[in-house]
Amino acid sequence: MKFKAFMTETGVNLLEKRFIPSLEKTAKTCHLYFTKTHTLFLHNLLNGDGIQSIAQFTNQLLFDDFKISSQNDDRIAFLIDLSLLLRALRSSVAVCSDYSAVVPNRLQIKLVKKVNQNCTVAMPFLTFETRGFKSAVIQDIPISKPLSRAQVVELQNALDMAQDIPQTLIQVPDLNQLLNLVDRMKHVGDAVNVSISKYGDLTVQVSTTLISLGAEFRKLLVIGEQANAPAEDQNLSAQTRSSRSILRGDAQSVQVSVKHFAKSLQCHLAKPDCAFYGIAPQGSCLTVIFQFFIPGTRQTDKSISYHCRLPILDPGTG
């Protein structure tokens, strides 16, 4: 099992400044999964009891001179602590910037096995090596034992299942506005009702016996299955409109954890150009898809994909 690559400047900047700080808000550890074509950061795909997040990059975007080999069809996956990964990246960037004016340097990343002081058995590490003017800085990040062939297959199957896109997606107008709303919702209750219609309506509401707090966003951009809102519904309350659209089959409503909803919004740290919400068929999960544009254009950057799946609460658990 071998993995070695040099990181591109774009790759370092993307991971250090945007994606790892964002991913760290979901959970402290995740699976780092290398294939011949892509590098993925995967949260909760194998246990399914929390918010799932999937960030995927083409290897050409992150690396130069990428080399990988394993008996699992050249696929390698392991658990890694994101805070340690971020710290190593930032230290490497500091070393690179200190010496970049003196000598060209590159950040190498590779899998190694080493014996440390407290153990006689060789342990796996993800190693960062930065060569400066007179010395090399080496940082070893401890990782889990790489997944077995069966575990890699299980991870890949879970990843394939998590790629389903809801039939109706609506574009969220302003993530910061939603963040502010959810911050207030945390003080009201633990469960939030999210309703999405084919008309482009998004309703977010948390309710208790004493108080109800929410917001409605109307006539948002719809991708996928859409419909025209009936004229007779225009002057009705948001709650009535939502109920009627659900009865017609033109909308779905699910209940998710306020904590999970807030975590999904922390993905704004990755600086997406826009975000879409959708509800999977049979209301199996709430999906948030982030879109990135090629810099200076409105064209989707297909070398990056990032989305979250929020588990649904059973009625009455909120």
C-alpha atoms as a PDB file:
ATOM      1  CA  MET A   1       0.000   0.000   0.000  1.00  0.00           C
ATOM      2  CA  LYS A   2       1.650   3.229  -1.155  1.00  0.00           C
ATOM      3  CA  PHE A   3       0.586   6.840  -1.460  1.00  0.00           C
ATOM      4  CA  LYS A   4       2.771   9.834  -2.263  1.00  0.00           C
ATOM      5  CA  ALA A   5       2.065  13.203  -3.856  1.00  0.00           C
ATOM      6  CA  PHE A   6       3.108  16.827  -3.947  1.00  0.00           C
ATOM      7  CA  MET A   7       0.377  19.300  -3.070  1.00  0.00           C
ATOM      8  CA  THR A   8      -0.472  22.113  -5.455  1.00  0.00           C
ATOM      9  CA  GLU A   9      -0.670  25.662  -4.161  1.00  0.00           C
ATOM     10  CA  THR A  10      -4.372  25.665  -5.036  1.00  0.00           C
ATOM     11  CA  GLY A  11      -4.882  22.432  -3.093  1.00  0.00           C
ATOM     12  CA  VAL A  12      -3.107  23.754  -0.008  1.00  0.00           C
ATOM     13  CA  ASN A  13      -5.148  26.973  -0.044  1.00  0.00           C
ATOM     14  CA  LEU A  14      -8.464  25.166  -0.576  1.00  0.00           C
ATOM     15  CA  LEU A  15      -7.917  22.721   2.271  1.00  0.00           C
ATOM     16  CA  GLU A  16      -6.193  25.026   4.755  1.00  0.00           C
ATOM     17  CA  LYS A  17      -8.305  28.153   4.375  1.00  0.00           C
ATOM     18  CA  ARG A  18     -11.707  26.766   3.440  1.00  0.00           C
ATOM     19  CA  PHE A  19     -12.585  23.100   3.499  1.00  0.00           C
ATOM     20  CA  ILE A  20     -10.882  21.652   6.580  1.00  0.00           C
ATOM     21  CA  PRO A  21     -12.140  24.513   8.838  1.00  0.00           C
ATOM     22  CA  SER A  22     -15.608  23.798   7.426  1.00  0.00           C
ATOM     23  CA  LEU A  23     -15.396  20.007   7.780  1.00  0.00           C
ATOM     24  CA  GLU A  24     -14.088  20.338  11.321  1.00  0.00           C
ATOM     25  CA  LYS A  25     -17.422  21.925  12.327  1.00  0.00           C
ATOM     26  CA  THR A  26     -19.230  18.671  11.483  1.00  0.00           C
ATOM     27  CA  ALA A  27     -16.965  16.331  13.471  1.00  0.00           C
ATOM     28  CA  LYS A  28     -13.357  16.178  14.591  1.00  0.00           C
ATOM     29  CA  THR A  29     -12.501  13.021  12.666  1.00  0.00           C
ATOM     30  CA  CYS A  30     -13.450  11.772   9.218  1.00  0.00           C
ATOM     31  CA  HIS A  31     -12.460   9.214   6.645  1.00  0.00           C
ATOM     32  CA  LEU A  32      -9.864  10.432   4.185  1.00  0.00           C
ATOM     33  CA  TYR A  33     -10.359   8.370   1.044  1.00  0.00           C
ATOM     34  CA  PHE A  34      -7.926   8.326  -1.889  1.00  0.00           C
ATOM     35  CA  THR A  35      -8.755   6.798  -5.257  1.00  0.00           C
ATOM     36  CA  LYS A  36      -6.927   6.964  -8.586  1.00  0.00           C
ATOM     37  CA  THR A  37      -9.003   9.976  -9.631  1.00  0.00           C
ATOM     38  CA  HIS A  38     -10.370  11.653  -6.491  1.00  0.00           C
ATOM     39  CA  THR A  39      -9.650  12.573  -2.883  1.00  0.00           C
ATOM     40  CA  LEU A  40     -12.632  12.587  -0.513  1.00  0.00           C
ATOM     41  CA  PHE A  41     -13.364  13.664   3.054  1.00  0.00           C
ATOM     42  CA  LEU A  42     -16.267  11.609   4.409  1.00  0.00           C
ATOM     43  CA  HIS A  43     -18.199  12.108   7.659  1.00  0.00           C
ATOM     44  CA  ASN A  44     -20.420   9.400   9.175  1.00  0.00           C
ATOM     45  CA  LEU A  45     -20.922   7.312   6.049  1.00  0.00           C
ATOM     46  CA  LEU A  46     -20.420   4.025   7.893  1.00  0.00           C
ATOM     47  CA  ASN A  47     -22.361   4.623  11.113  1.00  0.00           C
ATOM     48  CA  GLY A  48     -25.196   6.804   9.804  1.00  0.00           C
ATOM     49  CA  ASP A  49     -26.184   8.223  13.197  1.00  0.00           C
ATOM     50  CA  GLY A  50     -25.266  11.848  12.528  1.00  0.00           C
ATOM     51  CA  ILE A  51     -24.959  14.421   9.799  1.00  0.00           C
ATOM     52  CA  GLN A  52     -23.128  13.052   6.765  1.00  0.00           C
ATOM     53  CA  SER A  53     -20.856  15.336   4.775  1.00  0.00           C
ATOM     54  CA  ILE A  54     -19.004  14.521   1.581  1.00  0.00           C
ATOM     55  CA  ALA A  55     -16.302  16.750   0.105  1.00  0.00           C
ATOM     56  CA  GLN A  56     -14.732  15.489  -3.114  1.00  0.00           C
ATOM     57  CA  PHE A  57     -11.858  16.868  -5.193  1.00  0.00           C
ATOM     58  CA  THR A  58     -10.168  15.713  -8.375  1.00  0.00           C
ATOM     59  CA  ASN A  59      -6.589  14.681  -7.699  1.00  0.00           C
ATOM     60  CA  GLN A  60      -5.332  17.082 -10.379  1.00  0.00           C
ATOM     61  CA  LEU A  61      -6.727  19.973  -8.350  1.00  0.00           C
ATOM     62  CA  LEU A  62      -4.972  19.000  -5.113  1.00  0.00           C
ATOM     63  CA  PHE A  63      -1.805  17.232  -6.209  1.00  0.00           C
ATOM     64  CA  ASP A  64       1.127  17.014  -8.594  1.00  0.00           C
ATOM     65  CA  ASP A  65       2.997  13.744  -9.198  1.00  0.00           C
ATOM     66  CA  PHE A  66       0.211  11.711  -7.564  1.00  0.00           C
ATOM     67  CA  LYS A  67       1.110   8.055  -6.969  1.00  0.00           C
ATOM     68  CA  ILE A  68      -1.153   5.467  -5.331  1.00  0.00           C
ATOM     69  CA  SER A  69      -1.148   1.687  -5.220  1.00  0.00           C
ATOM     70  CA  SER A  70      -2.992  -0.828  -3.082  1.00  0.00           C
ATOM     71  CA  GLN A  71      -4.570  -4.238  -3.366  1.00  0.00           C
ATOM     72  CA  ASN A  72      -7.993  -2.569  -3.057  1.00  0.00           C
ATOM     73  CA  ASP A  73      -8.120  -1.396  -6.688  1.00  0.00           C
ATOM     74  CA  ASP A  74      -5.701   1.411  -5.795  1.00  0.00           C
ATOM     75  CA  ARG A  75      -8.045   2.775  -3.138  1.00  0.00           C
ATOM     76  CA  ILE A  76      -6.891   3.758   0.364  1.00  0.00           C
ATOM     77  CA  ALA A  77      -9.036   5.014   3.238  1.00  0.00           C
ATOM     78  CA  PHE A  78      -8.399   5.737   6.914  1.00  0.00           C
ATOM     79  CA  LEU A  79      -9.663   7.852   9.802  1.00  0.00           C
ATOM     80  CA  ILE A  80      -7.842  11.105  10.496  1.00  0.00           C
ATOM     81  CA  ASP A  81      -8.120  13.885  13.077  1.00  0.00           C
ATOM     82  CA  LEU A  82      -8.986  17.055  11.177  1.00  0.00           C
ATOM     83  CA  SER A  83      -7.517  19.425  13.764  1.00  0.00           C
ATOM     84  CA  LEU A  84      -4.128  17.663  13.502  1.00  0.00           C
ATOM     85  CA  LEU A  85      -4.354  17.753   9.708  1.00  0.00           C
ATOM     86  CA  LEU A  86      -5.142  21.470   9.741  1.00  0.00           C
ATOM     87  CA  ARG A  87      -2.303  22.197  12.164  1.00  0.00           C
ATOM     88  CA  ALA A  88       0.187  20.313   9.970  1.00  0.00           C
ATOM     89  CA  LEU A  89      -0.989  22.139   6.859  1.00  0.00           C
ATOM     90  CA  ARG A  90      -0.693  25.536   8.524  1.00  0.00           C
ATOM     91  CA  SER A  91       2.789  24.769   9.841  1.00  0.00           C
ATOM     92  CA  SER A  92       3.865  23.622   6.394  1.00  0.00           C
ATOM     93  CA  VAL A  93       2.465  26.762   4.798  1.00  0.00           C
ATOM     94  CA  ALA A  94       4.431  28.866   7.297  1.00  0.00           C
ATOM     95  CA  VAL A  95       7.659  27.033   6.429  1.00  0.00           C
ATOM     96  CA  CYS A  96       6.995  27.346   2.707  1.00  0.00           C
ATOM     97  CA  SER A  97       6.331  31.079   2.929  1.00  0.00           C
ATOM     98  CA  ASP A  98       9.483  31.625   5.030  1.00  0.00           C
ATOM     99  CA  TYR A  99      11.698  30.115   2.366  1.00  0.00           C
ATOM    100  CA  SER A 100       9.805  30.629  -0.879  1.00  0.00           C
ATOM    101  CA  ALA A 101      11.802  33.786  -1.698  1.00  0.00           C
ATOM    102  CA  VAL A 102      15.081  31.903  -1.192  1.00  0.00           C
ATOM    103  CA  VAL A 103      14.474  28.524  -2.769  1.00  0.00           C
ATOM    104  CA  PRO A 104      11.491  26.906  -4.494  1.00  0.00           C
ATOM    105  CA  ASN A 105       9.906  24.390  -2.160  1.00  0.00           C
ATOM    106  CA  ARG A 106       7.098  21.902  -2.359  1.00  0.00           C
ATOM    107  CA  LEU A 107       4.902  20.204   0.189  1.00  0.00           C
ATOM    108  CA  GLN A 108       5.051  16.435  -0.067  1.00  0.00           C
ATOM    109  CA  ILE A 109       2.392  14.209   1.489  1.00  0.00           C
ATOM    110  CA  LYS A 110       2.769  10.441   1.863  1.00  0.00           C
ATOM    111  CA  LEU A 111       1.696   7.408   3.881  1.00  0.00           C
ATOM    112  CA  VAL A 112       4.374   5.874   6.086  1.00  0.00           C
ATOM    113  CA  LYS A 113       4.752   3.360   8.914  1.00  0.00           C
ATOM    114  CA  LYS A 114       6.962   4.288  11.844  1.00  0.00           C
ATOM    115  CA  VAL A 115       7.855   2.953  15.273  1.00  0.00           C
ATOM    116  CA  ASN A 116       7.394   5.615  17.950  1.00  0.00           C
ATOM    117  CA  GLN A 117       8.882   5.801  21.433  1.00  0.00           C
ATOM    118  CA  ASN A 118       5.910   4.253  23.202  1.00  0.00           C
ATOM    119  CA  CYS A 119       5.322   1.313  20.890  1.00  0.00           C
ATOM    120  CA  THR A 120       7.448  -1.360  19.255  1.00  0.00           C
ATOM    121  CA  VAL A 121       4.909  -1.985  16.490  1.00  0.00           C
ATOM    122  CA  ALA A 122       5.095   0.223  13.388  1.00  0.00           C
ATOM    123  CA  MET A 123       2.112   2.595  13.275  1.00  0.00           C
ATOM    124  CA  PRO A 124       0.609   4.323  10.226  1.00  0.00           C
ATOM    125  CA  PHE A 125       1.054   8.058   9.703  1.00  0.00           C
ATOM    126  CA  LEU A 126       0.198  10.626   7.060  1.00  0.00           C
ATOM    127  CA  THR A 127       3.433  12.577   6.725  1.00  0.00           C
ATOM    128  CA  PHE A 128       3.956  16.135   5.504  1.00  0.00           C
ATOM    129  CA  GLU A 129       7.458  17.054   4.418  1.00  0.00           C
ATOM    130  CA  THR A 130       8.454  20.625   3.619  1.00  0.00           C
ATOM    131  CA  ARG A 131      11.976  21.365   2.462  1.00  0.00           C
ATOM    132  CA  GLY A 132      13.255  24.775   3.488  1.00  0.00           C
ATOM    133  CA  PHE A 133      16.542  26.600   2.767  1.00  0.00           C
ATOM    134  CA  LYS A 134      18.764  24.484   5.034  1.00  0.00           C
ATOM    135  CA  SER A 135      16.472  21.854   6.495  1.00  0.00           C
ATOM    136  CA  ALA A 136      13.390  19.767   6.014  1.00  0.00           C
ATOM    137  CA  VAL A 137      10.389  19.953   8.333  1.00  0.00           C
ATOM    138  CA  ILE A 138       8.607  16.614   8.734  1.00  0.00           C
ATOM    139  CA  GLN A 139       5.245  16.308  10.460  1.00  0.00           C
ATOM    140  CA  ASP A 140       3.666  12.932  11.175  1.00  0.00           C
ATOM    141  CA  ILE A 141      -0.093  12.805  11.663  1.00  0.00           C
ATOM    142  CA  PRO A 142      -1.256   9.569  13.350  1.00  0.00           C
ATOM    143  CA  ILE A 143      -4.055   7.861  11.457  1.00  0.00           C
ATOM    144  CA  SER A 144      -6.137   4.734  11.919  1.00  0.00           C
ATOM    145  CA  LYS A 145      -5.090   1.465  10.390  1.00  0.00           C
ATOM    146  CA  PRO A 146      -6.086   1.732   6.704  1.00  0.00           C
ATOM    147  CA  LEU A 147      -9.420   0.104   5.937  1.00  0.00           C
ATOM    148  CA  SER A 148      -9.443  -3.500   4.766  1.00  0.00           C
ATOM    149  CA  ARG A 149     -10.688  -4.473   1.320  1.00  0.00           C
ATOM    150  CA  ALA A 150     -14.154  -5.300   2.715  1.00  0.00           C
ATOM    151  CA  GLN A 151     -14.300  -1.993   4.599  1.00  0.00           C
ATOM    152  CA  VAL A 152     -13.266  -0.023   1.513  1.00  0.00           C
ATOM    153  CA  VAL A 153     -16.036  -1.736  -0.476  1.00  0.00           C
ATOM    154  CA  GLU A 154     -18.508  -0.889   2.303  1.00  0.00           C
ATOM    155  CA  LEU A 155     -17.342   2.742   2.301  1.00  0.00           C
ATOM    156  CA  GLN A 156     -17.619   2.982  -1.482  1.00  0.00           C
ATOM    157  CA  ASN A 157     -21.126   1.471  -1.422  1.00  0.00           C
ATOM    158  CA  ALA A 158     -22.199   3.977   1.237  1.00  0.00           C
ATOM    159  CA  LEU A 159     -20.696   6.760  -0.856  1.00  0.00           C
ATOM    160  CA  ASP A 160     -22.595   5.613  -3.957  1.00  0.00           C
ATOM    161  CA  MET A 161     -25.864   5.559  -1.993  1.00  0.00           C
ATOM    162  CA  ALA A 162     -25.195   9.042  -0.596  1.00  0.00           C
ATOM    163  CA  GLN A 163     -24.937  10.547  -4.091  1.00  0.00           C
ATOM    164  CA  ASP A 164     -28.697  10.484  -4.779  1.00  0.00           C
ATOM    165  CA  ILE A 165     -29.947  13.973  -5.608  1.00  0.00           C
ATOM    166  CA  PRO A 166     -33.467  15.014  -4.501  1.00  0.00           C
ATOM    167  CA  GLN A 167     -35.967  15.452  -7.326  1.00  0.00           C
ATOM    168  CA  THR A 168     -36.554  19.100  -6.340  1.00  0.00           C
ATOM    169  CA  LEU A 169     -33.779  21.436  -5.233  1.00  0.00           C
ATOM    170  CA  ILE A 170     -34.256  25.079  -4.283  1.00  0.00           C
ATOM    171  CA  GLN A 171     -31.516  27.662  -4.022  1.00  0.00           C
ATOM    172  CA  VAL A 172     -31.018  29.160  -0.568  1.00  0.00           C
ATOM    173  CA  PRO A 173     -30.998  32.963  -0.805  1.00  0.00           C
ATOM    174  CA  ASP A 174     -28.554  33.806   1.971  1.00  0.00           C
ATOM    175  CA  LEU A 175     -26.689  31.348   4.214  1.00  0.00           C
ATOM    176  CA  ASN A 176     -25.808  34.083   6.715  1.00  0.00           C
ATOM    177  CA  GLN A 177     -29.497  34.959   7.111  1.00  0.00           C
ATOM    178  CA  LEU A 178     -30.270  31.297   7.831  1.00  0.00           C
ATOM    179  CA  LEU A 179     -27.339  31.098  10.264  1.00  0.00           C
ATOM    180  CA  ASN A 180     -28.711  34.029  12.255  1.00  0.00           C
ATOM    181  CA  LEU A 181     -32.170  32.433  12.297  1.00  0.00           C
ATOM    182  CA  VAL A 182     -30.839  29.065  13.485  1.00  0.00           C
ATOM    183  CA  ASP A 183     -28.800  30.724  16.233  1.00  0.00           C
ATOM    184  CA  ARG A 184     -32.093  32.055  17.628  1.00  0.00           C
ATOM    185  CA  MET A 185     -33.845  28.717  17.081  1.00  0.00           C
ATOM    186  CA  LYS A 186     -31.342  26.967  19.376  1.00  0.00           C
ATOM    187  CA  HIS A 187     -32.912  28.806  22.309  1.00  0.00           C
ATOM    188  CA  VAL A 188     -36.441  27.722  21.364  1.00  0.00           C
ATOM    189  CA  GLY A 189     -36.297  23.985  20.658  1.00  0.00           C
ATOM    190  CA  ASP A 190     -34.233  21.020  19.498  1.00  0.00           C
ATOM    191  CA  ALA A 191     -36.100  20.150  16.287  1.00  0.00           C
ATOM    192  CA  VAL A 192     -36.757  22.247  13.201  1.00  0.00           C
ATOM    193  CA  ASN A 193     -39.412  21.604  10.545  1.00  0.00           C
ATOM    194  CA  VAL A 194     -38.211  22.188   7.000  1.00  0.00           C
ATOM    195  CA  SER A 195     -40.697  22.340   4.133  1.00  0.00           C
ATOM    196  CA  ILE A 196     -39.678  22.558   0.462  1.00  0.00           C
ATOM    197  CA  SER A 197     -42.126  23.003  -2.408  1.00  0.00           C
ATOM    198  CA  LYS A 198     -41.905  22.668  -6.176  1.00  0.00           C
ATOM    199  CA  TYR A 199     -43.043  26.298  -6.283  1.00  0.00           C
ATOM    200  CA  GLY A 200     -39.713  27.457  -4.842  1.00  0.00           C
ATOM    201  CA  ASP A 201     -40.893  27.967  -1.262  1.00  0.00           C
ATOM    202  CA  LEU A 202     -38.695  27.139   1.731  1.00  0.00           C
ATOM    203  CA  THR A 203     -40.199  27.204   5.217  1.00  0.00           C
ATOM    204  CA  VAL A 204     -38.058  26.737   8.321  1.00  0.00           C
ATOM    205  CA  GLN A 205     -39.808  26.646  11.690  1.00  0.00           C
ATOM    206  CA  VAL A 206     -39.215  25.516  15.262  1.00  0.00           C
ATOM    207  CA  SER A 207     -42.228  25.318  17.575  1.00  0.00           C
ATOM    208  CA  THR A 208     -43.053  24.549  21.185  1.00  0.00           C
ATOM    209  CA  THR A 209     -46.323  24.822  23.078  1.00  0.00           C
ATOM    210  CA  LEU A 210     -45.378  28.383  24.052  1.00  0.00           C
ATOM    211  CA  ILE A 211     -43.485  29.833  21.115  1.00  0.00           C
ATOM    212  CA  SER A 212     -42.987  29.435  17.382  1.00  0.00           C
ATOM    213  CA  LEU A 213     -40.066  30.890  15.429  1.00  0.00           C
ATOM    214  CA  GLY A 214     -39.478  30.553  11.724  1.00  0.00           C
ATOM    215  CA  ALA A 215     -39.098  32.124   8.315  1.00  0.00           C
ATOM    216  CA  GLU A 216     -40.477  31.604   4.850  1.00  0.00           C
ATOM    217  CA  PHE A 217     -38.551  32.224   1.628  1.00  0.00           C
ATOM    218  CA  ARG A 218     -40.704  32.340  -1.514  1.00  0.00           C
ATOM    219  CA  LYS A 219     -40.194  32.049  -5.266  1.00  0.00           C
ATOM    220  CA  LEU A 220     -36.646  30.743  -4.998  1.00  0.00           C
ATOM    221  CA  LEU A 221     -34.793  29.237  -7.942  1.00  0.00           C
ATOM    222  CA  VAL A 222     -35.914  25.613  -8.475  1.00  0.00           C
ATOM    223  CA  ILE A 223     -33.830  22.879 -10.098  1.00  0.00           C
ATOM    224  CA  GLY A 224     -35.468  19.595 -11.048  1.00  0.00           C
ATOM    225  CA  GLU A 225     -39.197  18.974 -10.601  1.00  0.00           C
ATOM    226  CA  GLN A 226     -41.119  22.256 -10.304  1.00  0.00           C
ATOM    227  CA  ALA A 227     -44.699  23.502 -10.504  1.00  0.00           C
ATOM    228  CA  ASN A 228     -46.676  26.755 -10.578  1.00  0.00           C
ATOM    229  CA  ALA A 229     -48.249  27.827  -7.301  1.00  0.00           C
ATOM    230  CA  PRO A 230     -52.080  27.965  -7.442  1.00  0.00           C
ATOM    231  CA  ALA A 231     -53.341  31.536  -7.545  1.00  0.00           C
ATOM    232  CA  GLU A 232     -55.907  30.852  -4.798  1.00  0.00           C
ATOM    233  CA  ASP A 233     -53.062  30.124  -2.331  1.00  0.00           C
ATOM    234  CA  GLN A 234     -51.318  33.450  -2.683  1.00  0.00           C
ATOM    235  CA  ASN A 235     -53.038  35.274   0.174  1.00  0.00           C
ATOM    236  CA  LEU A 236     -53.057  32.388   2.643  1.00  0.00           C
ATOM    237  CA  SER A 237     -50.725  32.093   5.625  1.00  0.00           C
ATOM    238  CA  ALA A 238     -47.358  30.376   5.159  1.00  0.00           C
ATOM    239  CA  GLN A 239     -48.466  27.431   7.281  1.00  0.00           C
ATOM    240  CA  THR A 240     -51.696  26.947   5.323  1.00  0.00           C
ATOM    241  CA  ARG A 241     -49.928  27.231   1.973  1.00  0.00           C
ATOM    242  CA  SER A 242     -47.351  24.691   3.072  1.00  0.00           C
ATOM    243  CA  SER A 243     -50.019  22.231   4.280  1.00  0.00           C
ATOM    244  CA  ARG A 244     -52.002  22.536   1.036  1.00  0.00           C
ATOM    245  CA  SER A 245     -48.919  22.047  -1.157  1.00  0.00           C
ATOM    246  CA  ILE A 246     -47.975  18.912   0.829  1.00  0.00           C
ATOM    247  CA  LEU A 247     -51.501  17.497   0.356  1.00  0.00           C
ATOM    248  CA  ARG A 248     -51.225  18.111  -3.407  1.00  0.00           C
ATOM    249  CA  GLY A 249     -47.901  16.280  -3.518  1.00  0.00           C
ATOM    250  CA  ASP A 250     -46.131  19.484  -4.534  1.00  0.00           C
ATOM    251  CA  ALA A 251     -44.094  19.767  -1.328  1.00  0.00           C
ATOM    252  CA  GLN A 252     -42.389  17.695   1.341  1.00  0.00           C
ATOM    253  CA  SER A 253     -41.784  18.473   4.985  1.00  0.00           C
ATOM    254  CA  VAL A 254     -39.296  16.850   7.358  1.00  0.00           C
ATOM    255  CA  GLN A 255     -38.090  17.431  10.888  1.00  0.00           C
ATOM    256  CA  VAL A 256     -34.369  17.548  11.623  1.00  0.00           C
ATOM    257  CA  SER A 257     -32.182  18.373  14.605  1.00  0.00           C
ATOM    258  CA  VAL A 258     -31.534  22.087  15.073  1.00  0.00           C
ATOM    259  CA  LYS A 259     -27.945  21.128  15.937  1.00  0.00           C
ATOM    260  CA  HIS A 260     -27.533  19.226  12.640  1.00  0.00           C
ATOM    261  CA  PHE A 261     -29.158  22.075  10.703  1.00  0.00           C
ATOM    262  CA  ALA A 262     -26.717  24.554  12.262  1.00  0.00           C
ATOM    263  CA  LYS A 263     -23.754  22.297  11.447  1.00  0.00           C
ATOM    264  CA  SER A 264     -24.801  22.060   7.794  1.00  0.00           C
ATOM    265  CA  LEU A 265     -24.786  25.858   7.600  1.00  0.00           C
ATOM    266  CA  GLN A 266     -21.205  25.978   8.910  1.00  0.00           C
ATOM    267  CA  CYS A 267     -20.227  24.706   5.486  1.00  0.00           C
ATOM    268  CA  HIS A 268     -20.330  28.374   4.449  1.00  0.00           C
ATOM    269  CA  LEU A 269     -16.713  28.426   5.724  1.00  0.00           C
ATOM    270  CA  ALA A 270     -15.816  26.586   2.505  1.00  0.00           C
ATOM    271  CA  LYS A 271     -17.081  29.702   0.661  1.00  0.00           C
ATOM    272  CA  PRO A 272     -19.517  28.079  -1.767  1.00  0.00           C
ATOM    273  CA  ASP A 273     -20.941  30.297  -4.487  1.00  0.00           C
ATOM    274  CA  CYS A 274     -24.450  29.028  -3.822  1.00  0.00           C
ATOM    275  CA  ALA A 275     -26.327  26.365  -1.872  1.00  0.00           C
ATOM    276  CA  PHE A 276     -29.384  24.219  -2.577  1.00  0.00           C
ATOM    277  CA  TYR A 277     -31.761  22.377  -0.236  1.00  0.00           C
ATOM    278  CA  GLY A 278     -33.785  19.324  -1.133  1.00  0.00           C
ATOM    279  CA  ILE A 279     -35.654  16.454   0.522  1.00  0.00           C
ATOM    280  CA  ALA A 280     -34.846  12.920  -0.602  1.00  0.00           C
ATOM    281  CA  PRO A 281     -37.633  10.615  -1.847  1.00  0.00           C
ATOM    282  CA  GLN A 282     -39.881   9.320   0.967  1.00  0.00           C
ATOM    283  CA  GLY A 283     -38.389  12.052   3.159  1.00  0.00           C
ATOM    284  CA  SER A 284     -35.379   9.889   4.005  1.00  0.00           C
ATOM    285  CA  CYS A 285     -33.051  12.858   4.614  1.00  0.00           C
ATOM    286  CA  LEU A 286     -32.606  16.593   4.124  1.00  0.00           C
ATOM    287  CA  THR A 287     -29.853  17.257   1.574  1.00  0.00           C
ATOM    288  CA  VAL A 288     -27.754  20.412   1.265  1.00  0.00           C
ATOM    289  CA  ILE A 289     -25.694  20.757  -1.916  1.00  0.00           C
ATOM    290  CA  PHE A 290     -23.009  23.434  -2.266  1.00  0.00           C
ATOM    291  CA  GLN A 291     -21.981  24.707  -5.666  1.00  0.00           C
ATOM    292  CA  PHE A 292     -18.631  26.232  -6.595  1.00  0.00           C
ATOM    293  CA  PHE A 293     -17.900  28.291  -9.697  1.00  0.00           C
ATOM    294  CA  ILE A 294     -14.706  28.440 -11.718  1.00  0.00           C
ATOM    295  CA  PRO A 295     -13.117  31.697 -10.480  1.00  0.00           C
ATOM    296  CA  GLY A 296     -14.257  34.690 -12.512  1.00  0.00           C
ATOM    297  CA  THR A 297     -17.154  32.806 -14.142  1.00  0.00           C
ATOM    298  CA  ARG A 298     -20.644  31.504 -13.400  1.00  0.00           C
ATOM    299  CA  GLN A 299     -19.688  28.026 -14.611  1.00  0.00           C
ATOM    300  CA  THR A 300     -19.767  25.137 -12.145  1.00  0.00           C
ATOM    301  CA  ASP A 301     -16.327  23.941 -11.071  1.00  0.00           C
ATOM    302  CA  LYS A 302     -16.667  20.192 -11.607  1.00  0.00           C
ATOM    303  CA  SER A 303     -13.374  19.486  -9.820  1.00  0.00           C
ATOM    304  CA  ILE A 304     -15.061  20.193  -6.447  1.00  0.00           C
ATOM    305  CA  SER A 305     -18.262  18.810  -4.948  1.00  0.00           C
ATOM    306  CA  TYR A 306     -19.561  19.209  -1.406  1.00  0.00           C
ATOM    307  CA  HIS A 307     -22.854  18.162   0.137  1.00  0.00           C
ATOM    308  CA  CYS A 308     -24.437  17.189   3.463  1.00  0.00           C
ATOM    309  CA  ARG A 309     -27.227  14.814   4.399  1.00  0.00           C
ATOM    310  CA  LEU A 310     -29.173  15.435   7.598  1.00  0.00           C
ATOM    311  CA  PRO A 311     -30.953  12.484   9.262  1.00  0.00           C
ATOM    312  CA  ILE A 312     -34.685  12.832   9.826  1.00  0.00           C
ATOM    313  CA  LEU A 313     -36.159  12.824  13.306  1.00  0.00           C
ATOM    314  CA  ASP A 314     -39.053  10.502  14.010  1.00  0.00           C
ATOM    315  CA  PRO A 315     -42.261  12.416  14.835  1.00  0.00           C
ATOM    316  CA  GLY A 316     -42.367  13.139  18.523  1.00  0.00           C
ATOM    317  CA  THR A 317     -38.612  12.906  19.155  1.00  0.00           C
ATOM    318  CA  GLY A 318     -38.199  16.679  18.988  1.00  0.00           C
END
